[in-house]
């Protein structure tokens, strides 16, 4: 069987059967990417959080959560390629899998590293043409993104109890900057904050994931930060770094227009 050696985003060299026929994806955004590159039967295992495309993920074997993998089930599936992510998966579990299987790891903190990941995965799964087309479409859409009229100060909340922000050197931060907004958190990646300390932000965005903020949370925060505009946002658009990026710019432009009209 033909084999191929490639380098992942942790600068690790791995050798895989080419093309791989038994793939396990450990990250929802990368699972969606694999399907959108045209794979289906090759995808034999995904996490319980992998929800796109909905009509296809329901038929796939679930191998636990992103940070709580069922290693025995993964072993039973006999994958010839596992695709994970440095931030979203648990290090010790990944290291265990690395000793037994080819594991390709992504490390994403901005648009360019996301595009590099799409290119690399396209090559390793024999979908080079499809991934190149996808990267070109995403690049063009972000290149033509109409930024905010002024650098509105944004606090992007990802968690409650305790409240946590998406801060510097994160993929979400890169998305905020590309929209022309100013992230209020510039000292840590995911700082814990007192909600009252965000009252100087122009906008407080409540993400739909990983914590599923709802309108009741927005109403409660609005009472604590009455000077800020509180809005619910689609976390997949801000934090999914695979093929979801094909849809992100349209979403961002609608949000930019809304905030421009209300805050300027």
C-alpha atoms as a PDB file:
ATOM      1  CA  UNK A   1       0.000   0.000   0.000  1.00  0.00           C
ATOM      2  CA  UNK A   2       1.226   3.468  -0.888  1.00  0.00           C
ATOM      3  CA  UNK A   3       2.328   5.580   2.091  1.00  0.00           C
ATOM      4  CA  UNK A   4       2.900   9.292   2.465  1.00  0.00           C
ATOM      5  CA  UNK A   5       4.870  11.262   5.034  1.00  0.00           C
ATOM      6  CA  UNK A   6       3.578  14.687   5.999  1.00  0.00           C
ATOM      7  CA  UNK A   7       4.104  17.324   8.673  1.00  0.00           C
ATOM      8  CA  UNK A   8       1.338  18.518  10.975  1.00  0.00           C
ATOM      9  CA  UNK A   9       0.967  21.941  12.590  1.00  0.00           C
ATOM     10  CA  UNK A  10       2.938  20.830  15.650  1.00  0.00           C
ATOM     11  CA  UNK A  11       5.880  20.221  13.277  1.00  0.00           C
ATOM     12  CA  UNK A  12       5.555  16.458  13.740  1.00  0.00           C
ATOM     13  CA  UNK A  13       6.186  14.123  10.841  1.00  0.00           C
ATOM     14  CA  UNK A  14       3.679  11.305  10.434  1.00  0.00           C
ATOM     15  CA  UNK A  15       3.400   8.529   7.851  1.00  0.00           C
ATOM     16  CA  UNK A  16      -0.046   7.481   6.666  1.00  0.00           C
ATOM     17  CA  UNK A  17      -1.576   5.089   4.169  1.00  0.00           C
ATOM     18  CA  UNK A  18      -2.415   7.117   1.085  1.00  0.00           C
ATOM     19  CA  UNK A  19      -5.144   7.828   0.585  1.00  0.00           C
ATOM     20  CA  UNK A  20      -6.399   7.048   4.112  1.00  0.00           C
ATOM     21  CA  UNK A  21      -9.580   4.962   4.158  1.00  0.00           C
ATOM     22  CA  UNK A  22     -10.423   4.915   7.877  1.00  0.00           C
ATOM     23  CA  UNK A  23     -10.390   8.430   9.323  1.00  0.00           C
ATOM     24  CA  UNK A  24     -11.412   9.581  12.799  1.00  0.00           C
ATOM     25  CA  UNK A  25     -11.987  13.288  13.419  1.00  0.00           C
ATOM     26  CA  UNK A  26     -11.704  14.629  16.960  1.00  0.00           C
ATOM     27  CA  UNK A  27     -12.908  18.203  16.278  1.00  0.00           C
ATOM     28  CA  UNK A  28     -16.327  19.370  14.997  1.00  0.00           C
ATOM     29  CA  UNK A  29     -15.050  22.066  12.626  1.00  0.00           C
ATOM     30  CA  UNK A  30     -12.580  19.647  11.048  1.00  0.00           C
ATOM     31  CA  UNK A  31     -15.256  16.953  10.762  1.00  0.00           C
ATOM     32  CA  UNK A  32     -17.397  19.367   8.735  1.00  0.00           C
ATOM     33  CA  UNK A  33     -14.350  20.159   6.610  1.00  0.00           C
ATOM     34  CA  UNK A  34     -13.745  16.496   5.775  1.00  0.00           C
ATOM     35  CA  UNK A  35     -17.330  16.049   4.613  1.00  0.00           C
ATOM     36  CA  UNK A  36     -17.209  19.265   2.593  1.00  0.00           C
ATOM     37  CA  UNK A  37     -14.036  18.076   0.873  1.00  0.00           C
ATOM     38  CA  UNK A  38     -16.075  15.171  -0.440  1.00  0.00           C
ATOM     39  CA  UNK A  39     -15.290  12.423   2.047  1.00  0.00           C
ATOM     40  CA  UNK A  40     -18.000  10.256   3.593  1.00  0.00           C
ATOM     41  CA  UNK A  41     -17.401   6.518   3.818  1.00  0.00           C
ATOM     42  CA  UNK A  42     -13.804   7.235   4.814  1.00  0.00           C
ATOM     43  CA  UNK A  43     -14.980   9.013   7.991  1.00  0.00           C
ATOM     44  CA  UNK A  44     -15.522   6.205  10.507  1.00  0.00           C
ATOM     45  CA  UNK A  45     -15.523   8.049  13.836  1.00  0.00           C
ATOM     46  CA  UNK A  46     -16.406  11.514  15.136  1.00  0.00           C
ATOM     47  CA  UNK A  47     -17.080  13.179  18.494  1.00  0.00           C
ATOM     48  CA  UNK A  48     -20.512  13.594  20.046  1.00  0.00           C
ATOM     49  CA  UNK A  49     -20.161  17.350  19.439  1.00  0.00           C
ATOM     50  CA  UNK A  50     -19.720  16.972  15.663  1.00  0.00           C
ATOM     51  CA  UNK A  51     -23.060  18.296  14.382  1.00  0.00           C
ATOM     52  CA  UNK A  52     -22.438  19.344  10.763  1.00  0.00           C
ATOM     53  CA  UNK A  53     -23.520  18.234   8.243  1.00  0.00           C
ATOM     54  CA  UNK A  54     -26.466  17.018  10.309  1.00  0.00           C
ATOM     55  CA  UNK A  55     -27.730  14.425   7.838  1.00  0.00           C
ATOM     56  CA  UNK A  56     -24.340  12.705   7.687  1.00  0.00           C
ATOM     57  CA  UNK A  57     -22.924  12.892  11.215  1.00  0.00           C
ATOM     58  CA  UNK A  58     -25.869  10.983  12.687  1.00  0.00           C
ATOM     59  CA  UNK A  59     -24.750   7.813  10.909  1.00  0.00           C
ATOM     60  CA  UNK A  60     -21.156   7.914  12.174  1.00  0.00           C
ATOM     61  CA  UNK A  61     -19.743   6.159  15.250  1.00  0.00           C
ATOM     62  CA  UNK A  62     -19.296   8.540  18.207  1.00  0.00           C
ATOM     63  CA  UNK A  63     -15.989   8.245  20.042  1.00  0.00           C
ATOM     64  CA  UNK A  64     -16.699  10.506  23.058  1.00  0.00           C
ATOM     65  CA  UNK A  65     -16.197  14.220  23.560  1.00  0.00           C
ATOM     66  CA  UNK A  66     -13.327  16.338  22.314  1.00  0.00           C
ATOM     67  CA  UNK A  67     -11.666  16.285  25.729  1.00  0.00           C
ATOM     68  CA  UNK A  68     -13.011  12.935  26.888  1.00  0.00           C
ATOM     69  CA  UNK A  69     -12.257  10.447  24.116  1.00  0.00           C
ATOM     70  CA  UNK A  70     -13.222   6.797  24.318  1.00  0.00           C
ATOM     71  CA  UNK A  71      -9.810   5.358  23.538  1.00  0.00           C
ATOM     72  CA  UNK A  72     -10.991   1.747  23.473  1.00  0.00           C
ATOM     73  CA  UNK A  73     -13.671   2.574  20.919  1.00  0.00           C
ATOM     74  CA  UNK A  74     -11.115   4.409  18.813  1.00  0.00           C
ATOM     75  CA  UNK A  75      -8.861   1.351  18.934  1.00  0.00           C
ATOM     76  CA  UNK A  76     -11.721  -0.909  17.898  1.00  0.00           C
ATOM     77  CA  UNK A  77     -12.292   1.188  14.768  1.00  0.00           C
ATOM     78  CA  UNK A  78      -8.683   0.632  13.619  1.00  0.00           C
ATOM     79  CA  UNK A  79      -8.193   4.070  12.039  1.00  0.00           C
ATOM     80  CA  UNK A  80      -5.392   4.702   9.576  1.00  0.00           C
ATOM     81  CA  UNK A  81      -5.586   8.459  10.296  1.00  0.00           C
ATOM     82  CA  UNK A  82      -6.765  10.505  13.290  1.00  0.00           C
ATOM     83  CA  UNK A  83      -7.163  14.284  12.945  1.00  0.00           C
ATOM     84  CA  UNK A  84      -7.179  16.430  16.093  1.00  0.00           C
ATOM     85  CA  UNK A  85      -6.388  19.898  17.402  1.00  0.00           C
ATOM     86  CA  UNK A  86      -3.904  21.101  20.009  1.00  0.00           C
ATOM     87  CA  UNK A  87      -6.352  23.330  21.890  1.00  0.00           C
ATOM     88  CA  UNK A  88      -9.565  21.333  21.607  1.00  0.00           C
ATOM     89  CA  UNK A  89      -8.231  17.892  22.525  1.00  0.00           C
ATOM     90  CA  UNK A  90      -6.666  16.698  25.781  1.00  0.00           C
ATOM     91  CA  UNK A  91      -2.889  16.340  25.564  1.00  0.00           C
ATOM     92  CA  UNK A  92      -2.421  13.071  27.446  1.00  0.00           C
ATOM     93  CA  UNK A  93      -5.105  11.308  25.422  1.00  0.00           C
ATOM     94  CA  UNK A  94      -3.603  12.568  22.186  1.00  0.00           C
ATOM     95  CA  UNK A  95      -0.145  11.416  23.229  1.00  0.00           C
ATOM     96  CA  UNK A  96      -1.556   7.960  23.935  1.00  0.00           C
ATOM     97  CA  UNK A  97      -3.128   7.807  20.478  1.00  0.00           C
ATOM     98  CA  UNK A  98       0.088   9.041  18.870  1.00  0.00           C
ATOM     99  CA  UNK A  99       1.896   5.960  20.146  1.00  0.00           C
ATOM    100  CA  UNK A 100      -0.597   3.698  18.379  1.00  0.00           C
ATOM    101  CA  UNK A 101      -1.877   5.506  15.273  1.00  0.00           C
ATOM    102  CA  UNK A 102      -0.947   8.233  12.767  1.00  0.00           C
ATOM    103  CA  UNK A 103      -2.324  11.414  14.382  1.00  0.00           C
ATOM    104  CA  UNK A 104      -2.303  14.697  12.451  1.00  0.00           C
ATOM    105  CA  UNK A 105      -2.700  17.714  14.732  1.00  0.00           C
ATOM    106  CA  UNK A 106      -3.767  21.234  13.839  1.00  0.00           C
ATOM    107  CA  UNK A 107      -2.784  24.353  15.794  1.00  0.00           C
ATOM    108  CA  UNK A 108      -4.994  27.291  14.829  1.00  0.00           C
ATOM    109  CA  UNK A 109      -4.927  30.861  16.112  1.00  0.00           C
ATOM    110  CA  UNK A 110      -5.611  32.972  13.016  1.00  0.00           C
ATOM    111  CA  UNK A 111      -7.037  32.822   9.507  1.00  0.00           C
ATOM    112  CA  UNK A 112      -3.724  31.955   7.863  1.00  0.00           C
ATOM    113  CA  UNK A 113      -3.123  28.937  10.085  1.00  0.00           C
ATOM    114  CA  UNK A 114      -6.702  27.824   9.327  1.00  0.00           C
ATOM    115  CA  UNK A 115      -6.086  28.088   5.590  1.00  0.00           C
ATOM    116  CA  UNK A 116      -2.808  26.200   5.990  1.00  0.00           C
ATOM    117  CA  UNK A 117      -4.698  23.464   7.839  1.00  0.00           C
ATOM    118  CA  UNK A 118      -7.317  23.161   5.092  1.00  0.00           C
ATOM    119  CA  UNK A 119      -4.571  22.885   2.489  1.00  0.00           C
ATOM    120  CA  UNK A 120      -2.638  20.285   4.467  1.00  0.00           C
ATOM    121  CA  UNK A 121      -5.678  18.129   5.236  1.00  0.00           C
ATOM    122  CA  UNK A 122      -6.749  18.301   1.595  1.00  0.00           C
ATOM    123  CA  UNK A 123      -3.374  16.907   0.602  1.00  0.00           C
ATOM    124  CA  UNK A 124      -3.301  14.141   3.204  1.00  0.00           C
ATOM    125  CA  UNK A 125      -6.833  12.872   2.359  1.00  0.00           C
ATOM    126  CA  UNK A 126      -6.343  13.105  -1.430  1.00  0.00           C
ATOM    127  CA  UNK A 127      -8.595  16.135  -1.903  1.00  0.00           C
ATOM    128  CA  UNK A 128      -5.918  18.625  -2.967  1.00  0.00           C
ATOM    129  CA  UNK A 129      -7.988  20.225  -5.741  1.00  0.00           C
ATOM    130  CA  UNK A 130     -11.054  20.606  -3.542  1.00  0.00           C
ATOM    131  CA  UNK A 131      -9.084  22.134  -0.665  1.00  0.00           C
ATOM    132  CA  UNK A 132      -7.292  24.572  -2.983  1.00  0.00           C
ATOM    133  CA  UNK A 133     -10.638  25.781  -4.329  1.00  0.00           C
ATOM    134  CA  UNK A 134     -11.985  26.163  -0.797  1.00  0.00           C
ATOM    135  CA  UNK A 135      -8.928  28.130   0.366  1.00  0.00           C
ATOM    136  CA  UNK A 136      -9.238  30.434  -2.639  1.00  0.00           C
ATOM    137  CA  UNK A 137     -12.932  31.107  -1.956  1.00  0.00           C
ATOM    138  CA  UNK A 138     -12.322  31.808   1.735  1.00  0.00           C
ATOM    139  CA  UNK A 139      -9.327  34.039   1.038  1.00  0.00           C
ATOM    140  CA  UNK A 140     -11.240  36.099  -1.510  1.00  0.00           C
ATOM    141  CA  UNK A 141     -14.233  36.555   0.775  1.00  0.00           C
ATOM    142  CA  UNK A 142     -12.101  37.822   3.647  1.00  0.00           C
ATOM    143  CA  UNK A 143     -10.095  40.019   1.298  1.00  0.00           C
ATOM    144  CA  UNK A 144     -13.343  41.728   0.260  1.00  0.00           C
ATOM    145  CA  UNK A 145     -14.810  41.942   3.764  1.00  0.00           C
ATOM    146  CA  UNK A 146     -16.201  45.422   4.455  1.00  0.00           C
ATOM    147  CA  UNK A 147     -14.835  46.277   7.892  1.00  0.00           C
ATOM    148  CA  UNK A 148     -16.583  48.211  10.638  1.00  0.00           C
ATOM    149  CA  UNK A 149     -16.741  51.974  10.180  1.00  0.00           C
ATOM    150  CA  UNK A 150     -14.952  52.527  13.512  1.00  0.00           C
ATOM    151  CA  UNK A 151     -13.060  50.274  15.965  1.00  0.00           C
ATOM    152  CA  UNK A 152     -15.930  49.408  18.287  1.00  0.00           C
ATOM    153  CA  UNK A 153     -14.681  47.946  21.588  1.00  0.00           C
ATOM    154  CA  UNK A 154     -15.900  44.348  21.856  1.00  0.00           C
ATOM    155  CA  UNK A 155     -15.873  41.869  24.744  1.00  0.00           C
ATOM    156  CA  UNK A 156     -16.455  38.320  23.469  1.00  0.00           C
ATOM    157  CA  UNK A 157     -17.727  35.982  26.206  1.00  0.00           C
ATOM    158  CA  UNK A 158     -17.266  32.234  25.761  1.00  0.00           C
ATOM    159  CA  UNK A 159     -18.145  30.955  29.249  1.00  0.00           C
ATOM    160  CA  UNK A 160     -20.203  31.608  32.352  1.00  0.00           C
ATOM    161  CA  UNK A 161     -19.400  30.690  35.995  1.00  0.00           C
ATOM    162  CA  UNK A 162     -16.781  31.973  35.743  1.00  0.00           C
ATOM    163  CA  UNK A 163     -17.147  34.470  32.937  1.00  0.00           C
ATOM    164  CA  UNK A 164     -14.362  33.992  30.389  1.00  0.00           C
ATOM    165  CA  UNK A 165     -13.365  36.062  27.379  1.00  0.00           C
ATOM    166  CA  UNK A 166     -11.708  35.157  24.116  1.00  0.00           C
ATOM    167  CA  UNK A 167      -8.517  37.179  24.298  1.00  0.00           C
ATOM    168  CA  UNK A 168      -5.285  37.711  22.459  1.00  0.00           C
ATOM    169  CA  UNK A 169      -3.662  35.139  20.151  1.00  0.00           C
ATOM    170  CA  UNK A 170      -6.906  33.246  19.602  1.00  0.00           C
ATOM    171  CA  UNK A 171      -8.753  32.505  16.380  1.00  0.00           C
ATOM    172  CA  UNK A 172     -11.751  34.465  17.677  1.00  0.00           C
ATOM    173  CA  UNK A 173      -9.537  37.494  18.299  1.00  0.00           C
ATOM    174  CA  UNK A 174      -8.306  37.312  14.700  1.00  0.00           C
ATOM    175  CA  UNK A 175     -11.899  37.216  13.445  1.00  0.00           C
ATOM    176  CA  UNK A 176     -12.804  40.262  15.569  1.00  0.00           C
ATOM    177  CA  UNK A 177      -9.828  42.185  14.216  1.00  0.00           C
ATOM    178  CA  UNK A 178     -10.649  41.278  10.621  1.00  0.00           C
ATOM    179  CA  UNK A 179     -14.114  42.728  11.191  1.00  0.00           C
ATOM    180  CA  UNK A 180     -12.465  45.970  12.283  1.00  0.00           C
ATOM    181  CA  UNK A 181     -13.431  45.666  15.936  1.00  0.00           C
ATOM    182  CA  UNK A 182     -11.181  46.173  18.968  1.00  0.00           C
ATOM    183  CA  UNK A 183     -10.985  43.254  21.389  1.00  0.00           C
ATOM    184  CA  UNK A 184     -11.042  44.563  24.982  1.00  0.00           C
ATOM    185  CA  UNK A 185      -8.978  41.565  26.135  1.00  0.00           C
ATOM    186  CA  UNK A 186      -5.367  41.858  24.993  1.00  0.00           C
ATOM    187  CA  UNK A 187      -3.298  40.334  27.804  1.00  0.00           C
ATOM    188  CA  UNK A 188      -4.361  36.671  27.999  1.00  0.00           C
ATOM    189  CA  UNK A 189      -5.840  34.053  25.698  1.00  0.00           C
ATOM    190  CA  UNK A 190      -8.894  33.178  27.823  1.00  0.00           C
ATOM    191  CA  UNK A 191      -9.021  35.438  30.881  1.00  0.00           C
ATOM    192  CA  UNK A 192     -11.569  35.100  33.679  1.00  0.00           C
ATOM    193  CA  UNK A 193     -13.335  38.421  34.317  1.00  0.00           C
ATOM    194  CA  UNK A 194     -15.838  40.099  36.606  1.00  0.00           C
ATOM    195  CA  UNK A 195     -18.746  41.011  34.392  1.00  0.00           C
ATOM    196  CA  UNK A 196     -18.985  44.520  35.874  1.00  0.00           C
ATOM    197  CA  UNK A 197     -15.446  45.190  34.625  1.00  0.00           C
ATOM    198  CA  UNK A 198     -16.742  44.967  31.051  1.00  0.00           C
ATOM    199  CA  UNK A 199     -19.092  47.907  31.429  1.00  0.00           C
ATOM    200  CA  UNK A 200     -16.765  50.102  29.343  1.00  0.00           C
ATOM    201  CA  UNK A 201     -17.100  47.825  26.291  1.00  0.00           C
ATOM    202  CA  UNK A 202     -19.260  49.177  23.477  1.00  0.00           C
ATOM    203  CA  UNK A 203     -20.548  45.662  22.743  1.00  0.00           C
ATOM    204  CA  UNK A 204     -20.564  42.457  24.771  1.00  0.00           C
ATOM    205  CA  UNK A 205     -20.955  39.445  22.499  1.00  0.00           C
ATOM    206  CA  UNK A 206     -22.349  36.256  24.034  1.00  0.00           C
ATOM    207  CA  UNK A 207     -21.285  33.242  22.018  1.00  0.00           C
ATOM    208  CA  UNK A 208     -23.494  30.228  21.331  1.00  0.00           C
ATOM    209  CA  UNK A 209     -20.535  27.978  22.172  1.00  0.00           C
ATOM    210  CA  UNK A 210     -18.786  26.512  24.068  1.00  0.00           C
ATOM    211  CA  UNK A 211     -21.229  27.882  26.660  1.00  0.00           C
ATOM    212  CA  UNK A 212     -24.710  28.164  25.097  1.00  0.00           C
ATOM    213  CA  UNK A 213     -25.601  31.735  26.019  1.00  0.00           C
ATOM    214  CA  UNK A 214     -29.319  32.538  25.617  1.00  0.00           C
ATOM    215  CA  UNK A 215     -31.483  35.656  25.832  1.00  0.00           C
ATOM    216  CA  UNK A 216     -31.952  35.190  29.591  1.00  0.00           C
ATOM    217  CA  UNK A 217     -28.175  35.547  30.024  1.00  0.00           C
ATOM    218  CA  UNK A 218     -28.153  38.646  27.839  1.00  0.00           C
ATOM    219  CA  UNK A 219     -30.928  40.193  29.929  1.00  0.00           C
ATOM    220  CA  UNK A 220     -29.029  39.516  33.170  1.00  0.00           C
ATOM    221  CA  UNK A 221     -25.755  40.944  31.847  1.00  0.00           C
ATOM    222  CA  UNK A 222     -27.551  43.987  30.460  1.00  0.00           C
ATOM    223  CA  UNK A 223     -28.596  44.944  33.994  1.00  0.00           C
ATOM    224  CA  UNK A 224     -24.961  44.747  35.159  1.00  0.00           C
ATOM    225  CA  UNK A 225     -23.535  46.569  32.132  1.00  0.00           C
ATOM    226  CA  UNK A 226     -26.264  49.018  31.081  1.00  0.00           C
ATOM    227  CA  UNK A 227     -23.875  51.146  29.001  1.00  0.00           C
ATOM    228  CA  UNK A 228     -22.963  48.238  26.712  1.00  0.00           C
ATOM    229  CA  UNK A 229     -24.958  46.691  23.892  1.00  0.00           C
ATOM    230  CA  UNK A 230     -25.433  42.978  24.617  1.00  0.00           C
ATOM    231  CA  UNK A 231     -25.905  40.650  21.639  1.00  0.00           C
ATOM    232  CA  UNK A 232     -26.027  36.910  21.056  1.00  0.00           C
ATOM    233  CA  UNK A 233     -23.686  35.729  18.297  1.00  0.00           C
ATOM    234  CA  UNK A 234     -23.132  32.501  16.370  1.00  0.00           C
ATOM    235  CA  UNK A 235     -20.047  30.945  17.919  1.00  0.00           C
ATOM    236  CA  UNK A 236     -19.511  28.642  14.949  1.00  0.00           C
ATOM    237  CA  UNK A 237     -18.926  31.652  12.701  1.00  0.00           C
ATOM    238  CA  UNK A 238     -16.316  33.087  15.039  1.00  0.00           C
ATOM    239  CA  UNK A 239     -14.529  29.924  16.154  1.00  0.00           C
ATOM    240  CA  UNK A 240     -14.904  27.183  13.526  1.00  0.00           C
ATOM    241  CA  UNK A 241     -11.774  27.255  11.377  1.00  0.00           C
ATOM    242  CA  UNK A 242     -12.704  24.745   8.655  1.00  0.00           C
ATOM    243  CA  UNK A 243     -15.193  24.980   5.791  1.00  0.00           C
ATOM    244  CA  UNK A 244     -17.567  27.013   8.007  1.00  0.00           C
ATOM    245  CA  UNK A 245     -15.332  29.940   6.971  1.00  0.00           C
ATOM    246  CA  UNK A 246     -17.064  29.825   3.585  1.00  0.00           C
ATOM    247  CA  UNK A 247     -20.116  31.320   5.311  1.00  0.00           C
ATOM    248  CA  UNK A 248     -18.450  33.497   7.947  1.00  0.00           C
ATOM    249  CA  UNK A 249     -17.926  36.700   5.965  1.00  0.00           C
ATOM    250  CA  UNK A 250     -21.609  37.057   5.023  1.00  0.00           C
ATOM    251  CA  UNK A 251     -22.499  36.654   8.692  1.00  0.00           C
ATOM    252  CA  UNK A 252     -19.849  39.154   9.789  1.00  0.00           C
ATOM    253  CA  UNK A 253     -20.970  41.761   7.267  1.00  0.00           C
ATOM    254  CA  UNK A 254     -24.564  41.543   8.491  1.00  0.00           C
ATOM    255  CA  UNK A 255     -23.361  41.974  12.069  1.00  0.00           C
ATOM    256  CA  UNK A 256     -21.058  44.852  11.118  1.00  0.00           C
ATOM    257  CA  UNK A 257     -23.920  46.637   9.369  1.00  0.00           C
ATOM    258  CA  UNK A 258     -26.195  46.154  12.378  1.00  0.00           C
ATOM    259  CA  UNK A 259     -23.629  47.556  14.810  1.00  0.00           C
ATOM    260  CA  UNK A 260     -22.636  50.405  12.487  1.00  0.00           C
ATOM    261  CA  UNK A 261     -26.253  51.500  12.303  1.00  0.00           C
ATOM    262  CA  UNK A 262     -26.847  51.312  16.040  1.00  0.00           C
ATOM    263  CA  UNK A 263     -23.566  52.584  17.481  1.00  0.00           C
ATOM    264  CA  UNK A 264     -22.326  55.197  15.024  1.00  0.00           C
END
